């Protein structure tokens, strides 16, 4: 009897997994147009203003995070007390 229930359960699982129902509809070909012969020109350069903006932002973030943090480290306290001389 166990074999019968096991075989029925396996048949149900396999039939559910092997259904041919498509869950996502295909896109409408009339609505979307994707060009097939598209030529692109790739440039291997970066805009100089983007580099400058990145440098300024990185400097601002790093200076904001480390501002005053160096004075509070254990190494600075040791230097002030003269332990490393």
N, C-alpha and C. Protein backbone atom coordinates (compact mmCIF):
# COMPACT_ATOMS: atom_id res chain seq x y z
N UNK A 1 0.81 -1.19 0.00
CA UNK A 1 0.00 0.00 0.00
C UNK A 1 0.86 1.27 0.00
N UNK A 2 2.00 1.18 0.72
CA UNK A 2 2.91 2.32 0.75
C UNK A 2 3.47 2.59 -0.64
N UNK A 3 3.74 1.53 -1.36
CA UNK A 3 4.30 1.69 -2.71
C UNK A 3 3.31 2.39 -3.62
N UNK A 4 2.04 2.10 -3.46
CA UNK A 4 1.01 2.71 -4.29
C UNK A 4 0.93 4.22 -4.02
N UNK A 5 0.90 4.60 -2.74
CA UNK A 5 0.84 6.02 -2.40
C UNK A 5 2.12 6.75 -2.82
N UNK A 6 3.24 6.10 -2.67
CA UNK A 6 4.50 6.70 -3.07
C UNK A 6 4.54 6.90 -4.58
N UNK A 7 4.09 5.93 -5.33
CA UNK A 7 4.09 6.06 -6.80
C UNK A 7 3.10 7.12 -7.24
N UNK A 8 1.94 7.23 -6.55
CA UNK A 8 0.98 8.28 -6.90
C UNK A 8 1.56 9.67 -6.60
N UNK A 9 2.24 9.81 -5.48
CA UNK A 9 2.84 11.09 -5.13
C UNK A 9 3.93 11.47 -6.13
N UNK A 10 4.76 10.50 -6.51
CA UNK A 10 5.82 10.79 -7.49
C UNK A 10 5.22 11.15 -8.84
N UNK A 11 4.14 10.47 -9.25
CA UNK A 11 3.49 10.79 -10.52
C UNK A 11 2.90 12.20 -10.48
N UNK A 12 2.33 12.57 -9.37
CA UNK A 12 1.76 13.91 -9.24
C UNK A 12 2.85 14.97 -9.28
N UNK A 13 3.96 14.72 -8.58
CA UNK A 13 5.07 15.67 -8.57
C UNK A 13 5.68 15.81 -9.95
N UNK A 14 5.91 14.70 -10.63
CA UNK A 14 6.53 14.76 -11.96
C UNK A 14 5.60 15.37 -12.99
N UNK A 15 4.31 15.13 -12.86
CA UNK A 15 3.38 15.73 -13.83
C UNK A 15 3.26 17.23 -13.60
N UNK A 16 3.36 17.67 -12.36
CA UNK A 16 3.27 19.10 -12.07
C UNK A 16 4.53 19.83 -12.54
N UNK A 17 5.68 19.19 -12.43
CA UNK A 17 6.93 19.83 -12.81
C UNK A 17 7.14 19.83 -14.32
N UNK A 18 6.50 18.91 -15.03
CA UNK A 18 6.77 18.81 -16.46
C UNK A 18 5.67 19.41 -17.30
N UNK A 19 4.85 20.27 -16.75
CA UNK A 19 3.79 20.88 -17.54
C UNK A 19 4.37 21.86 -18.53
N UNK A 20 3.68 22.07 -19.61
CA UNK A 20 4.17 22.91 -20.70
C UNK A 20 3.56 24.31 -20.65
N UNK A 21 3.06 24.71 -19.52
CA UNK A 21 2.45 26.03 -19.39
C UNK A 21 3.53 27.08 -19.26
N UNK A 22 3.40 28.13 -20.05
CA UNK A 22 4.37 29.22 -20.00
C UNK A 22 3.85 30.26 -19.02
N UNK A 23 4.65 30.56 -18.00
CA UNK A 23 4.19 31.48 -16.96
C UNK A 23 4.36 32.94 -17.38
N UNK A 24 5.42 33.26 -18.09
CA UNK A 24 5.65 34.63 -18.54
C UNK A 24 5.27 34.76 -20.00
N UNK A 25 4.41 35.70 -20.33
CA UNK A 25 4.02 35.84 -21.73
C UNK A 25 5.17 36.39 -22.57
N UNK A 26 5.19 35.99 -23.83
CA UNK A 26 6.20 36.49 -24.75
C UNK A 26 5.91 37.96 -25.06
N UNK A 27 6.95 38.78 -25.27
CA UNK A 27 6.70 40.19 -25.60
C UNK A 27 6.05 40.33 -26.96
N UNK A 28 5.25 41.35 -27.08
CA UNK A 28 4.57 41.61 -28.34
C UNK A 28 5.58 42.15 -29.35
N UNK A 29 5.73 41.47 -30.46
CA UNK A 29 6.73 41.87 -31.46
C UNK A 29 6.35 43.18 -32.14
N UNK A 30 5.08 43.51 -32.18
CA UNK A 30 4.66 44.76 -32.82
C UNK A 30 4.90 45.96 -31.91
N UNK A 31 4.91 45.73 -30.62
CA UNK A 31 5.07 46.83 -29.69
C UNK A 31 6.53 47.23 -29.49
N UNK A 32 7.44 46.25 -29.46
CA UNK A 32 8.85 46.50 -29.21
C UNK A 32 9.65 46.27 -30.48
N UNK A 33 10.58 47.16 -30.74
CA UNK A 33 11.44 47.03 -31.91
C UNK A 33 12.89 47.01 -31.45
N UNK A 34 13.57 45.93 -31.73
CA UNK A 34 14.98 45.82 -31.40
C UNK A 34 15.75 45.74 -32.71
N UNK A 35 16.59 46.73 -32.99
CA UNK A 35 17.34 46.69 -34.25
C UNK A 35 18.34 45.54 -34.26
N UNK A 36 18.45 44.88 -35.40
CA UNK A 36 19.34 43.73 -35.51
C UNK A 36 20.74 44.14 -35.97
N UNK A 37 20.85 45.14 -36.80
CA UNK A 37 22.15 45.58 -37.30
C UNK A 37 22.49 46.93 -36.68
N UNK A 38 22.83 46.90 -35.44
CA UNK A 38 23.15 48.14 -34.73
C UNK A 38 24.66 48.25 -34.59
N UNK A 39 25.22 49.36 -35.03
CA UNK A 39 26.65 49.58 -34.92
C UNK A 39 26.91 50.56 -33.78
N UNK A 40 27.82 50.17 -32.91
CA UNK A 40 28.15 51.01 -31.78
C UNK A 40 29.63 51.35 -31.84
N UNK A 41 29.93 52.56 -31.42
CA UNK A 41 31.32 52.99 -31.34
C UNK A 41 31.69 53.07 -29.87
N UNK A 42 32.60 52.23 -29.44
CA UNK A 42 33.02 52.21 -28.05
C UNK A 42 34.26 53.08 -27.90
N UNK A 43 34.23 53.93 -26.90
CA UNK A 43 35.36 54.82 -26.65
C UNK A 43 36.02 54.40 -25.34
N UNK A 44 37.31 54.40 -25.34
CA UNK A 44 38.06 54.02 -24.16
C UNK A 44 38.61 55.27 -23.48
N UNK A 45 37.70 56.13 -23.04
CA UNK A 45 38.11 57.35 -22.38
C UNK A 45 37.05 57.75 -21.36
N UNK A 46 37.48 58.50 -20.37
CA UNK A 46 36.59 58.95 -19.32
C UNK A 46 36.59 60.48 -19.32
N UNK A 47 35.44 61.04 -19.11
CA UNK A 47 35.31 62.49 -19.08
C UNK A 47 36.11 63.05 -17.90
N UNK A 48 36.87 64.12 -18.14
CA UNK A 48 37.73 64.69 -17.10
C UNK A 48 36.92 65.28 -15.94
N UNK A 49 35.75 65.81 -16.22
CA UNK A 49 34.94 66.35 -15.13
C UNK A 49 34.44 65.22 -14.22
N UNK A 50 34.18 64.06 -14.78
CA UNK A 50 33.76 62.92 -13.95
C UNK A 50 34.90 62.48 -13.04
N UNK A 51 36.11 62.51 -13.53
CA UNK A 51 37.27 62.15 -12.70
C UNK A 51 37.45 63.17 -11.58
N UNK A 52 37.34 64.44 -11.91
CA UNK A 52 37.51 65.48 -10.89
C UNK A 52 36.40 65.42 -9.85
N UNK A 53 35.16 65.17 -10.29
CA UNK A 53 34.05 65.06 -9.34
C UNK A 53 34.24 63.86 -8.43
N UNK A 54 34.72 62.75 -8.97
CA UNK A 54 34.97 61.56 -8.16
C UNK A 54 36.06 61.82 -7.14
N UNK A 55 37.13 62.48 -7.57
CA UNK A 55 38.23 62.80 -6.64
C UNK A 55 37.76 63.71 -5.51
N UNK A 56 36.97 64.71 -5.84
CA UNK A 56 36.46 65.63 -4.81
C UNK A 56 35.53 64.91 -3.84
N UNK A 57 34.66 64.05 -4.36
CA UNK A 57 33.74 63.32 -3.50
C UNK A 57 34.48 62.34 -2.60
N UNK A 58 35.47 61.65 -3.16
CA UNK A 58 36.25 60.69 -2.35
C UNK A 58 37.03 61.42 -1.27
N UNK A 59 37.61 62.56 -1.62
CA UNK A 59 38.37 63.33 -0.63
C UNK A 59 37.45 63.83 0.48
N UNK A 60 36.26 64.28 0.11
CA UNK A 60 35.32 64.77 1.11
C UNK A 60 34.87 63.65 2.05
N UNK A 61 34.59 62.48 1.51
CA UNK A 61 34.15 61.35 2.34
C UNK A 61 35.28 60.89 3.25
N UNK A 62 36.47 60.76 2.71
CA UNK A 62 37.58 60.27 3.51
C UNK A 62 38.01 61.28 4.57
N UNK A 63 37.99 62.54 4.24
CA UNK A 63 38.39 63.54 5.22
C UNK A 63 37.33 63.67 6.32
N UNK A 64 36.07 63.51 5.96
CA UNK A 64 35.00 63.59 6.95
C UNK A 64 35.09 62.42 7.92
N UNK A 65 35.41 61.23 7.41
CA UNK A 65 35.49 60.05 8.25
C UNK A 65 36.73 60.08 9.14
N UNK A 66 37.85 60.54 8.62
CA UNK A 66 39.11 60.50 9.37
C UNK A 66 39.42 61.79 10.10
N UNK A 67 38.57 62.77 10.00
CA UNK A 67 38.83 64.05 10.64
C UNK A 67 38.74 63.87 12.16
N UNK A 68 39.84 64.06 12.83
CA UNK A 68 39.87 63.93 14.27
C UNK A 68 40.04 62.50 14.75
N UNK A 69 39.88 61.53 13.89
CA UNK A 69 40.01 60.13 14.33
C UNK A 69 41.46 59.79 14.58
N UNK A 70 42.38 60.44 13.86
CA UNK A 70 43.80 60.15 14.03
C UNK A 70 44.28 60.60 15.39
N UNK A 71 43.74 61.68 15.90
CA UNK A 71 44.18 62.21 17.18
C UNK A 71 43.74 61.32 18.34
N UNK A 72 42.73 60.49 18.14
CA UNK A 72 42.18 59.69 19.22
C UNK A 72 42.70 58.25 19.22
N UNK A 73 43.59 57.91 18.33
CA UNK A 73 44.06 56.53 18.27
C UNK A 73 45.05 56.25 19.39
N UNK A 74 45.22 54.98 19.66
CA UNK A 74 46.15 54.57 20.71
C UNK A 74 47.59 54.89 20.31
N UNK A 75 47.86 54.90 19.03
CA UNK A 75 49.23 55.20 18.56
C UNK A 75 49.57 56.66 18.81
N UNK A 76 48.60 57.55 18.59
CA UNK A 76 48.86 58.96 18.84
C UNK A 76 49.04 59.23 20.33
N UNK A 77 48.28 58.54 21.16
CA UNK A 77 48.45 58.69 22.62
C UNK A 77 49.83 58.22 23.03
N UNK A 78 50.29 57.10 22.46
CA UNK A 78 51.63 56.60 22.76
C UNK A 78 52.71 57.53 22.29
N UNK A 79 52.52 58.14 21.12
CA UNK A 79 53.50 59.13 20.63
C UNK A 79 53.53 60.34 21.54
N UNK A 80 52.38 60.80 21.98
CA UNK A 80 52.35 61.96 22.87
C UNK A 80 53.02 61.67 24.21
N UNK A 81 52.90 60.47 24.71
CA UNK A 81 53.50 60.10 25.99
C UNK A 81 54.97 59.75 25.86
N UNK A 82 55.44 59.55 24.67
CA UNK A 82 56.86 59.28 24.45
C UNK A 82 57.23 57.81 24.57
N UNK A 83 56.30 56.90 24.33
CA UNK A 83 56.59 55.47 24.45
C UNK A 83 57.43 54.94 23.29
N UNK A 84 57.45 55.61 22.15
CA UNK A 84 58.12 55.09 20.97
C UNK A 84 59.45 55.77 20.71
N UNK A 85 60.00 56.46 21.67
CA UNK A 85 61.28 57.15 21.46
C UNK A 85 62.43 56.34 21.97
